[in-house]
Amino acid sequence: MGLPVSLVAAFAGLLYAQRFTHSDLELLRPTTDDDLDNKTYEELRASYGKLPSAGASFLPIVVPLLLICVSSIANLPSHPFGEGTATDLIAFFGTPLVALFIGLAVAVALLRGKGKLEQFNSEITSAIEIAGPIIFITGAGAAFGGILGASALTDILADSLSSLGLGLLVPFLISAALKTAQGSSTVALVTTSAILAPLLDSMGLGSDIGMVLTVLAIGAGAMVVSHANDSFFWVVSRLSRLPVGVAYRTLTVASGIEGVAAFVTIWIIGLVVL
């Protein structure tokens, strides 16, 4: 059920993004002198020397993803891999922090030639210079969202919207209101689910398909909208070197369009199957 909804949302975001493909967007100055935008392909290729194969290049990304996925499967209530030491090891290595550390080790193994330690130190220093400000401002945005989430605003929005009796529109509105107010998609998802779980039968959504559509509606609402109190907003804007105003015109509007497009698709499906 989620596949057609996701496709419509992605296509809606892509259509909106098309308007910026030929626009000369204002970007922030690069944080380092080694700006990829200022080098030709030939210059970049020469600066890296002998490159690893495509398969080896993807390993630092693929290995952690596989570890996390296998760990998630191992932790299912049905215990498909059984229980015991082997399952515990799978769960340990699939812990995101451990899996990412393994991915880092795989990336380090791809360093070529003499002076690997110096090259490693150089890459780490460069990464910290780029990621440091992003981490700080992301933490500030998340802290702001946490303050809003701990306030009475969450309860007020939930109480006022849960009594509207508008079918699938209710989970979407509650989730969207919570996400927009406090910035965290996770908080919006969990809080909305907890509020609506005992109300599904009275809302006419207690059937299996009703619960599926409710979950999708909550997910669609958790996309609306990403702005300054959302840490994801700052990750995207800083990594893309987008000024705040440009990020609002692009990312914020796009997240709203995608969330609404997803809900419209869910609502149409609901008209057919409910």
C-alpha atoms as a PDB file:
ATOM      1  CA  MET A   1       0.000   0.000   0.000  1.00  0.00           C
ATOM      2  CA  GLY A   2       2.857   2.330   0.714  1.00  0.00           C
ATOM      3  CA  LEU A   3       4.460   1.934  -2.701  1.00  0.00           C
ATOM      4  CA  PRO A   4       1.899   3.872  -4.810  1.00  0.00           C
ATOM      5  CA  VAL A   5       1.656   6.537  -2.100  1.00  0.00           C
ATOM      6  CA  SER A   6       5.444   6.949  -2.040  1.00  0.00           C
ATOM      7  CA  LEU A   7       5.631   7.109  -5.834  1.00  0.00           C
ATOM      8  CA  VAL A   8       3.024   9.866  -6.020  1.00  0.00           C
ATOM      9  CA  ALA A   9       4.744  11.850  -3.261  1.00  0.00           C
ATOM     10  CA  ALA A  10       8.148  11.496  -4.921  1.00  0.00           C
ATOM     11  CA  PHE A  11       6.751  12.487  -8.323  1.00  0.00           C
ATOM     12  CA  ALA A  12       5.058  15.558  -6.811  1.00  0.00           C
ATOM     13  CA  GLY A  13       8.338  16.612  -5.206  1.00  0.00           C
ATOM     14  CA  LEU A  14      10.166  16.036  -8.476  1.00  0.00           C
ATOM     15  CA  LEU A  15       7.692  18.192 -10.383  1.00  0.00           C
ATOM     16  CA  TYR A  16       8.187  21.032  -7.910  1.00  0.00           C
ATOM     17  CA  ALA A  17      11.970  20.630  -8.072  1.00  0.00           C
ATOM     18  CA  GLN A  18      11.872  21.039 -11.861  1.00  0.00           C
ATOM     19  CA  ARG A  19      11.224  24.742 -11.479  1.00  0.00           C
ATOM     20  CA  PHE A  20      14.677  25.174  -9.937  1.00  0.00           C
ATOM     21  CA  THR A  21      16.681  23.134 -12.440  1.00  0.00           C
ATOM     22  CA  HIS A  22      17.491  26.170 -14.554  1.00  0.00           C
ATOM     23  CA  SER A  23      17.515  28.699 -11.718  1.00  0.00           C
ATOM     24  CA  ASP A  24      20.712  30.332 -10.534  1.00  0.00           C
ATOM     25  CA  LEU A  25      20.188  29.730  -6.811  1.00  0.00           C
ATOM     26  CA  GLU A  26      22.248  31.744  -4.391  1.00  0.00           C
ATOM     27  CA  LEU A  27      24.588  29.452  -2.448  1.00  0.00           C
ATOM     28  CA  LEU A  28      26.641  30.046   0.661  1.00  0.00           C
ATOM     29  CA  ARG A  29      30.406  30.201   0.302  1.00  0.00           C
ATOM     30  CA  PRO A  30      32.152  26.807   0.623  1.00  0.00           C
ATOM     31  CA  THR A  31      33.578  26.035   4.056  1.00  0.00           C
ATOM     32  CA  THR A  32      36.878  24.874   2.543  1.00  0.00           C
ATOM     33  CA  ASP A  33      39.024  25.883  -0.414  1.00  0.00           C
ATOM     34  CA  ASP A  34      38.619  22.388  -1.901  1.00  0.00           C
ATOM     35  CA  ASP A  35      35.250  23.158  -3.483  1.00  0.00           C
ATOM     36  CA  LEU A  36      34.204  20.486  -5.957  1.00  0.00           C
ATOM     37  CA  ASP A  37      32.184  23.023  -7.939  1.00  0.00           C
ATOM     38  CA  ASN A  38      35.359  24.850  -8.916  1.00  0.00           C
ATOM     39  CA  LYS A  39      37.112  21.817 -10.424  1.00  0.00           C
ATOM     40  CA  THR A  40      36.626  20.113 -13.747  1.00  0.00           C
ATOM     41  CA  TYR A  41      36.138  16.347 -13.938  1.00  0.00           C
ATOM     42  CA  GLU A  42      39.678  15.906 -15.235  1.00  0.00           C
ATOM     43  CA  GLU A  43      41.121  17.897 -12.314  1.00  0.00           C
ATOM     44  CA  LEU A  44      39.127  15.890  -9.789  1.00  0.00           C
ATOM     45  CA  ARG A  45      40.138  12.619 -11.438  1.00  0.00           C
ATOM     46  CA  ALA A  46      43.813  13.558 -11.396  1.00  0.00           C
ATOM     47  CA  SER A  47      43.708  14.699  -7.754  1.00  0.00           C
ATOM     48  CA  TYR A  48      42.469  11.293  -6.549  1.00  0.00           C
ATOM     49  CA  GLY A  49      44.926   9.203  -8.514  1.00  0.00           C
ATOM     50  CA  LYS A  50      44.041   5.505  -8.946  1.00  0.00           C
ATOM     51  CA  LEU A  51      40.428   5.002  -7.925  1.00  0.00           C
ATOM     52  CA  PRO A  52      38.906   1.792  -6.497  1.00  0.00           C
ATOM     53  CA  SER A  53      36.340  -0.144  -8.493  1.00  0.00           C
ATOM     54  CA  ALA A  54      32.670   0.824  -8.366  1.00  0.00           C
ATOM     55  CA  GLY A  55      31.838  -2.189  -6.223  1.00  0.00           C
ATOM     56  CA  ALA A  56      34.551  -1.390  -3.696  1.00  0.00           C
ATOM     57  CA  SER A  57      33.512   2.275  -3.642  1.00  0.00           C
ATOM     58  CA  PHE A  58      29.964   1.358  -2.625  1.00  0.00           C
ATOM     59  CA  LEU A  59      31.054  -1.040   0.136  1.00  0.00           C
ATOM     60  CA  PRO A  60      31.364   1.629   2.889  1.00  0.00           C
ATOM     61  CA  ILE A  61      27.678   2.450   2.299  1.00  0.00           C
ATOM     62  CA  VAL A  62      26.321  -0.997   1.463  1.00  0.00           C
ATOM     63  CA  VAL A  63      27.966  -2.880   4.346  1.00  0.00           C
ATOM     64  CA  PRO A  64      26.404  -0.790   7.152  1.00  0.00           C
ATOM     65  CA  LEU A  65      23.011  -0.851   5.426  1.00  0.00           C
ATOM     66  CA  LEU A  66      23.103  -4.640   5.118  1.00  0.00           C
ATOM     67  CA  LEU A  67      24.175  -5.033   8.741  1.00  0.00           C
ATOM     68  CA  ILE A  68      21.365  -2.782   9.954  1.00  0.00           C
ATOM     69  CA  CYS A  69      18.781  -4.539   7.768  1.00  0.00           C
ATOM     70  CA  VAL A  70      19.838  -8.030   8.885  1.00  0.00           C
ATOM     71  CA  SER A  71      19.810  -6.882  12.514  1.00  0.00           C
ATOM     72  CA  SER A  72      16.294  -5.498  12.088  1.00  0.00           C
ATOM     73  CA  ILE A  73      15.135  -8.839  10.693  1.00  0.00           C
ATOM     74  CA  ALA A  74      16.835 -10.713  13.535  1.00  0.00           C
ATOM     75  CA  ASN A  75      15.007  -8.549  16.089  1.00  0.00           C
ATOM     76  CA  LEU A  76      11.553  -9.290  14.698  1.00  0.00           C
ATOM     77  CA  PRO A  77       9.168 -10.827  17.275  1.00  0.00           C
ATOM     78  CA  SER A  78       9.138 -14.081  15.286  1.00  0.00           C
ATOM     79  CA  HIS A  79      12.946 -14.428  15.726  1.00  0.00           C
ATOM     80  CA  PRO A  80      13.562 -15.759  12.179  1.00  0.00           C
ATOM     81  CA  PHE A  81      17.229 -16.445  12.992  1.00  0.00           C
ATOM     82  CA  GLY A  82      16.412 -18.098  16.290  1.00  0.00           C
ATOM     83  CA  GLU A  83      17.730 -17.015  19.671  1.00  0.00           C
ATOM     84  CA  GLY A  84      21.186 -17.299  21.113  1.00  0.00           C
ATOM     85  CA  THR A  85      24.709 -15.959  20.776  1.00  0.00           C
ATOM     86  CA  ALA A  86      24.631 -15.746  16.981  1.00  0.00           C
ATOM     87  CA  THR A  87      21.485 -13.616  17.020  1.00  0.00           C
ATOM     88  CA  ASP A  88      22.957 -11.394  19.724  1.00  0.00           C
ATOM     89  CA  LEU A  89      26.064 -10.865  17.584  1.00  0.00           C
ATOM     90  CA  ILE A  90      23.937 -10.015  14.541  1.00  0.00           C
ATOM     91  CA  ALA A  91      21.985  -7.484  16.615  1.00  0.00           C
ATOM     92  CA  PHE A  92      25.226  -6.006  17.988  1.00  0.00           C
ATOM     93  CA  PHE A  93      26.925  -5.555  14.622  1.00  0.00           C
ATOM     94  CA  GLY A  94      23.665  -4.173  13.205  1.00  0.00           C
ATOM     95  CA  THR A  95      23.505  -1.417  15.811  1.00  0.00           C
ATOM     96  CA  PRO A  96      23.703   1.785  13.723  1.00  0.00           C
ATOM     97  CA  LEU A  97      26.767   3.158  15.524  1.00  0.00           C
ATOM     98  CA  VAL A  98      28.668  -0.144  15.239  1.00  0.00           C
ATOM     99  CA  ALA A  99      27.573  -0.676  11.624  1.00  0.00           C
ATOM    100  CA  LEU A 100      28.711   2.814  10.640  1.00  0.00           C
ATOM    101  CA  PHE A 101      32.050   2.274  12.384  1.00  0.00           C
ATOM    102  CA  ILE A 102      32.505  -0.907  10.337  1.00  0.00           C
ATOM    103  CA  GLY A 103      31.656   1.101   7.220  1.00  0.00           C
ATOM    104  CA  LEU A 104      34.356   3.601   8.202  1.00  0.00           C
ATOM    105  CA  ALA A 105      36.877   0.781   8.583  1.00  0.00           C
ATOM    106  CA  VAL A 106      35.961  -0.484   5.102  1.00  0.00           C
ATOM    107  CA  ALA A 107      36.423   3.048   3.712  1.00  0.00           C
ATOM    108  CA  VAL A 108      39.854   3.352   5.341  1.00  0.00           C
ATOM    109  CA  ALA A 109      40.874   0.068   3.722  1.00  0.00           C
ATOM    110  CA  LEU A 110      40.290   1.688   0.318  1.00  0.00           C
ATOM    111  CA  LEU A 111      43.096   4.236   0.858  1.00  0.00           C
ATOM    112  CA  ARG A 112      45.891   3.635  -1.600  1.00  0.00           C
ATOM    113  CA  GLY A 113      49.625   4.315  -1.756  1.00  0.00           C
ATOM    114  CA  LYS A 114      52.070   5.618   0.820  1.00  0.00           C
ATOM    115  CA  GLY A 115      51.126   7.969   3.615  1.00  0.00           C
ATOM    116  CA  LYS A 116      47.788   6.297   4.406  1.00  0.00           C
ATOM    117  CA  LEU A 117      47.813   7.654   7.975  1.00  0.00           C
ATOM    118  CA  GLU A 118      48.425  11.214   6.792  1.00  0.00           C
ATOM    119  CA  GLN A 119      45.709  10.840   4.163  1.00  0.00           C
ATOM    120  CA  PHE A 120      43.315   9.467   6.767  1.00  0.00           C
ATOM    121  CA  ASN A 121      44.046  12.369   9.143  1.00  0.00           C
ATOM    122  CA  SER A 122      43.535  14.848   6.308  1.00  0.00           C
ATOM    123  CA  GLU A 123      40.178  13.350   5.357  1.00  0.00           C
ATOM    124  CA  ILE A 124      38.979  13.275   8.984  1.00  0.00           C
ATOM    125  CA  THR A 125      40.025  16.893   9.515  1.00  0.00           C
ATOM    126  CA  SER A 126      38.228  17.983   6.358  1.00  0.00           C
ATOM    127  CA  ALA A 127      35.112  16.038   7.371  1.00  0.00           C
ATOM    128  CA  ILE A 128      35.061  17.636  10.823  1.00  0.00           C
ATOM    129  CA  GLU A 129      35.407  21.123   9.337  1.00  0.00           C
ATOM    130  CA  ILE A 130      32.371  20.492   7.124  1.00  0.00           C
ATOM    131  CA  ALA A 131      30.242  18.444   9.526  1.00  0.00           C
ATOM    132  CA  GLY A 132      30.995  20.344  12.750  1.00  0.00           C
ATOM    133  CA  PRO A 133      28.817  23.411  12.075  1.00  0.00           C
ATOM    134  CA  ILE A 134      26.074  21.145  10.710  1.00  0.00           C
ATOM    135  CA  ILE A 135      26.091  19.042  13.886  1.00  0.00           C
ATOM    136  CA  PHE A 136      25.920  22.120  16.124  1.00  0.00           C
ATOM    137  CA  ILE A 137      23.088  23.822  14.257  1.00  0.00           C
ATOM    138  CA  THR A 138      21.248  20.489  13.877  1.00  0.00           C
ATOM    139  CA  GLY A 139      21.488  19.988  17.626  1.00  0.00           C
ATOM    140  CA  ALA A 140      20.163  23.502  18.202  1.00  0.00           C
ATOM    141  CA  GLY A 141      17.200  22.875  15.914  1.00  0.00           C
ATOM    142  CA  ALA A 142      16.461  19.547  17.597  1.00  0.00           C
ATOM    143  CA  ALA A 143      16.693  21.186  21.037  1.00  0.00           C
ATOM    144  CA  PHE A 144      14.198  23.845  19.959  1.00  0.00           C
ATOM    145  CA  GLY A 145      11.868  21.135  18.708  1.00  0.00           C
ATOM    146  CA  GLY A 146      12.302  19.240  21.973  1.00  0.00           C
ATOM    147  CA  ILE A 147      11.298  22.303  23.978  1.00  0.00           C
ATOM    148  CA  LEU A 148       8.153  22.719  21.896  1.00  0.00           C
ATOM    149  CA  GLY A 149       7.395  19.017  22.185  1.00  0.00           C
ATOM    150  CA  ALA A 150       7.667  19.135  25.974  1.00  0.00           C
ATOM    151  CA  SER A 151       5.289  22.079  26.173  1.00  0.00           C
ATOM    152  CA  ALA A 152       1.493  21.924  26.383  1.00  0.00           C
ATOM    153  CA  LEU A 153       1.291  22.682  22.660  1.00  0.00           C
ATOM    154  CA  THR A 154       1.377  18.977  21.764  1.00  0.00           C
ATOM    155  CA  ASP A 155      -1.550  18.097  24.050  1.00  0.00           C
ATOM    156  CA  ILE A 156      -3.602  21.090  22.888  1.00  0.00           C
ATOM    157  CA  LEU A 157      -3.199  20.204  19.211  1.00  0.00           C
ATOM    158  CA  ALA A 158      -3.917  16.528  19.793  1.00  0.00           C
ATOM    159  CA  ASP A 159      -7.051  17.142  21.874  1.00  0.00           C
ATOM    160  CA  SER A 160      -8.505  19.712  19.497  1.00  0.00           C
ATOM    161  CA  LEU A 161      -7.913  17.705  16.311  1.00  0.00           C
ATOM    162  CA  SER A 162      -8.808  14.198  17.532  1.00  0.00           C
ATOM    163  CA  SER A 163     -12.427  15.223  18.139  1.00  0.00           C
ATOM    164  CA  LEU A 164     -13.095  16.461  14.589  1.00  0.00           C
ATOM    165  CA  GLY A 165     -14.362  13.119  13.253  1.00  0.00           C
ATOM    166  CA  LEU A 166     -13.047  13.545   9.716  1.00  0.00           C
ATOM    167  CA  GLY A 167     -11.906   9.984   9.043  1.00  0.00           C
ATOM    168  CA  LEU A 168      -8.444   9.670   7.509  1.00  0.00           C
ATOM    169  CA  LEU A 169      -8.012  13.428   7.611  1.00  0.00           C
ATOM    170  CA  VAL A 170      -7.735  13.301  11.420  1.00  0.00           C
ATOM    171  CA  PRO A 171      -4.484  11.256  11.644  1.00  0.00           C
ATOM    172  CA  PHE A 172      -2.997  13.359   8.846  1.00  0.00           C
ATOM    173  CA  LEU A 173      -3.882  16.669  10.513  1.00  0.00           C
ATOM    174  CA  ILE A 174      -2.699  15.636  13.970  1.00  0.00           C
ATOM    175  CA  SER A 175       0.606  14.294  12.643  1.00  0.00           C
ATOM    176  CA  ALA A 176       1.128  17.343  10.398  1.00  0.00           C
ATOM    177  CA  ALA A 177       0.330  19.750  13.231  1.00  0.00           C
ATOM    178  CA  LEU A 178       2.723  18.026  15.624  1.00  0.00           C
ATOM    179  CA  LYS A 179       5.505  17.806  13.031  1.00  0.00           C
ATOM    180  CA  THR A 180       5.153  21.453  12.033  1.00  0.00           C
ATOM    181  CA  ALA A 181       4.932  22.624  15.641  1.00  0.00           C
ATOM    182  CA  GLN A 182       7.873  20.750  17.147  1.00  0.00           C
ATOM    183  CA  GLY A 183       9.947  19.591  14.169  1.00  0.00           C
ATOM    184  CA  SER A 184      10.460  15.906  14.900  1.00  0.00           C
ATOM    185  CA  SER A 185       8.873  13.380  12.538  1.00  0.00           C
ATOM    186  CA  THR A 186       9.483  10.619  15.085  1.00  0.00           C
ATOM    187  CA  VAL A 187       7.616  12.472  17.815  1.00  0.00           C
ATOM    188  CA  ALA A 188       4.758  13.193  15.397  1.00  0.00           C
ATOM    189  CA  LEU A 189       4.535   9.529  14.378  1.00  0.00           C
ATOM    190  CA  VAL A 190       4.675   8.067  17.878  1.00  0.00           C
ATOM    191  CA  THR A 191       2.422  10.654  19.507  1.00  0.00           C
ATOM    192  CA  THR A 192      -0.265  10.495  16.822  1.00  0.00           C
ATOM    193  CA  SER A 193      -0.241   6.693  16.882  1.00  0.00           C
ATOM    194  CA  ALA A 194      -0.664   6.627  20.653  1.00  0.00           C
ATOM    195  CA  ILE A 195      -3.548   9.115  20.502  1.00  0.00           C
ATOM    196  CA  LEU A 196      -5.476   7.372  17.733  1.00  0.00           C
ATOM    197  CA  ALA A 197      -4.942   3.696  18.611  1.00  0.00           C
ATOM    198  CA  PRO A 198      -7.923   3.529  21.025  1.00  0.00           C
ATOM    199  CA  LEU A 199     -10.111   5.660  18.727  1.00  0.00           C
ATOM    200  CA  LEU A 200      -9.828   3.711  15.461  1.00  0.00           C
ATOM    201  CA  ASP A 201     -13.022   1.678  15.887  1.00  0.00           C
ATOM    202  CA  SER A 202     -15.110   4.750  16.671  1.00  0.00           C
ATOM    203  CA  MET A 203     -13.611   6.500  13.621  1.00  0.00           C
ATOM    204  CA  GLY A 204     -14.518   3.597  11.330  1.00  0.00           C
ATOM    205  CA  LEU A 205     -10.858   2.705  10.800  1.00  0.00           C
ATOM    206  CA  GLY A 206     -10.651  -0.412  12.956  1.00  0.00           C
ATOM    207  CA  SER A 207     -10.392  -2.866  10.048  1.00  0.00           C
ATOM    208  CA  ASP A 208      -7.025  -4.135   8.795  1.00  0.00           C
ATOM    209  CA  ILE A 209      -7.125  -1.883   5.726  1.00  0.00           C
ATOM    210  CA  GLY A 210      -8.328   1.011   7.876  1.00  0.00           C
ATOM    211  CA  MET A 211      -5.333   0.647  10.166  1.00  0.00           C
ATOM    212  CA  VAL A 212      -2.977   0.437   7.183  1.00  0.00           C
ATOM    213  CA  LEU A 213      -4.370   3.649   5.705  1.00  0.00           C
ATOM    214  CA  THR A 214      -4.197   5.314   9.125  1.00  0.00           C
ATOM    215  CA  VAL A 215      -0.502   4.461   9.375  1.00  0.00           C
ATOM    216  CA  LEU A 216       0.084   5.891   5.901  1.00  0.00           C
ATOM    217  CA  ALA A 217      -1.861   9.055   6.741  1.00  0.00           C
ATOM    218  CA  ILE A 218       0.214   9.550   9.881  1.00  0.00           C
ATOM    219  CA  GLY A 219       3.385   9.108   7.823  1.00  0.00           C
ATOM    220  CA  ALA A 220       2.170  11.631   5.245  1.00  0.00           C
ATOM    221  CA  GLY A 221       1.443  14.140   7.987  1.00  0.00           C
ATOM    222  CA  ALA A 222       4.911  13.665   9.463  1.00  0.00           C
ATOM    223  CA  MET A 223       6.345  15.166   6.251  1.00  0.00           C
ATOM    224  CA  VAL A 224       4.438  18.464   6.628  1.00  0.00           C
ATOM    225  CA  VAL A 225       6.469  20.626   6.872  1.00  0.00           C
ATOM    226  CA  SER A 226      10.229  20.704   7.405  1.00  0.00           C
ATOM    227  CA  HIS A 227      11.426  24.099   8.630  1.00  0.00           C
ATOM    228  CA  ALA A 228      13.770  25.726  11.164  1.00  0.00           C
ATOM    229  CA  ASN A 229      12.819  23.558  14.158  1.00  0.00           C
ATOM    230  CA  ASP A 230      13.513  20.364  12.192  1.00  0.00           C
ATOM    231  CA  SER A 231      17.104  19.084  12.359  1.00  0.00           C
ATOM    232  CA  PHE A 232      16.679  17.556   8.880  1.00  0.00           C
ATOM    233  CA  PHE A 233      16.079  21.077   7.514  1.00  0.00           C
ATOM    234  CA  TRP A 234      19.511  22.167   8.716  1.00  0.00           C
ATOM    235  CA  VAL A 235      21.291  19.025   7.516  1.00  0.00           C
ATOM    236  CA  VAL A 236      19.967  19.519   3.983  1.00  0.00           C
ATOM    237  CA  SER A 237      20.466  23.292   3.886  1.00  0.00           C
ATOM    238  CA  ARG A 238      23.999  23.220   5.304  1.00  0.00           C
ATOM    239  CA  LEU A 239      25.238  20.303   3.198  1.00  0.00           C
ATOM    240  CA  SER A 240      23.724  21.886   0.089  1.00  0.00           C
ATOM    241  CA  ARG A 241      25.046  25.343   1.074  1.00  0.00           C
ATOM    242  CA  LEU A 242      21.539  26.790   0.771  1.00  0.00           C
ATOM    243  CA  PRO A 243      20.765  30.063   2.566  1.00  0.00           C
ATOM    244  CA  VAL A 244      17.835  29.800   4.962  1.00  0.00           C
ATOM    245  CA  GLY A 245      15.526  31.749   2.643  1.00  0.00           C
ATOM    246  CA  VAL A 246      16.326  29.507  -0.311  1.00  0.00           C
ATOM    247  CA  ALA A 247      15.858  26.393   1.854  1.00  0.00           C
ATOM    248  CA  TYR A 248      12.399  27.621   2.829  1.00  0.00           C
ATOM    249  CA  ARG A 249      11.459  28.129  -0.830  1.00  0.00           C
ATOM    250  CA  THR A 250      12.776  24.710  -1.839  1.00  0.00           C
ATOM    251  CA  LEU A 251      12.886  22.113   0.950  1.00  0.00           C
ATOM    252  CA  THR A 252      10.069  23.464   3.122  1.00  0.00           C
ATOM    253  CA  VAL A 253       7.613  23.910   0.274  1.00  0.00           C
ATOM    254  CA  ALA A 254       8.608  20.572  -1.286  1.00  0.00           C
ATOM    255  CA  SER A 255       8.051  18.677   1.979  1.00  0.00           C
ATOM    256  CA  GLY A 256       4.586  20.229   2.225  1.00  0.00           C
ATOM    257  CA  ILE A 257       3.726  19.333  -1.357  1.00  0.00           C
ATOM    258  CA  GLU A 258       4.932  15.753  -0.908  1.00  0.00           C
ATOM    259  CA  GLY A 259       2.990  15.273   2.327  1.00  0.00           C
ATOM    260  CA  VAL A 260      -0.235  16.642   0.855  1.00  0.00           C
ATOM    261  CA  ALA A 261       0.184  14.625  -2.362  1.00  0.00           C
ATOM    262  CA  ALA A 262       0.723  11.477  -0.296  1.00  0.00           C
ATOM    263  CA  PHE A 263      -2.424  12.118   1.748  1.00  0.00           C
ATOM    264  CA  VAL A 264      -4.560  12.817  -1.335  1.00  0.00           C
ATOM    265  CA  THR A 265      -3.435   9.453  -2.707  1.00  0.00           C
ATOM    266  CA  ILE A 266      -4.287   7.754   0.609  1.00  0.00           C
ATOM    267  CA  TRP A 267      -7.702   9.457   0.677  1.00  0.00           C
ATOM    268  CA  ILE A 268      -8.490   8.278  -2.879  1.00  0.00           C
ATOM    269  CA  ILE A 269      -7.447   4.717  -1.967  1.00  0.00           C
ATOM    270  CA  GLY A 270      -9.662   4.961   1.105  1.00  0.00           C
ATOM    271  CA  LEU A 271     -12.660   5.930  -1.006  1.00  0.00           C
ATOM    272  CA  VAL A 272     -12.188   2.737  -2.998  1.00  0.00           C
ATOM    273  CA  VAL A 273     -11.351   0.160  -0.317  1.00  0.00           C
ATOM    274  CA  LEU A 274     -13.084   1.383   2.857  1.00  0.00           C
END
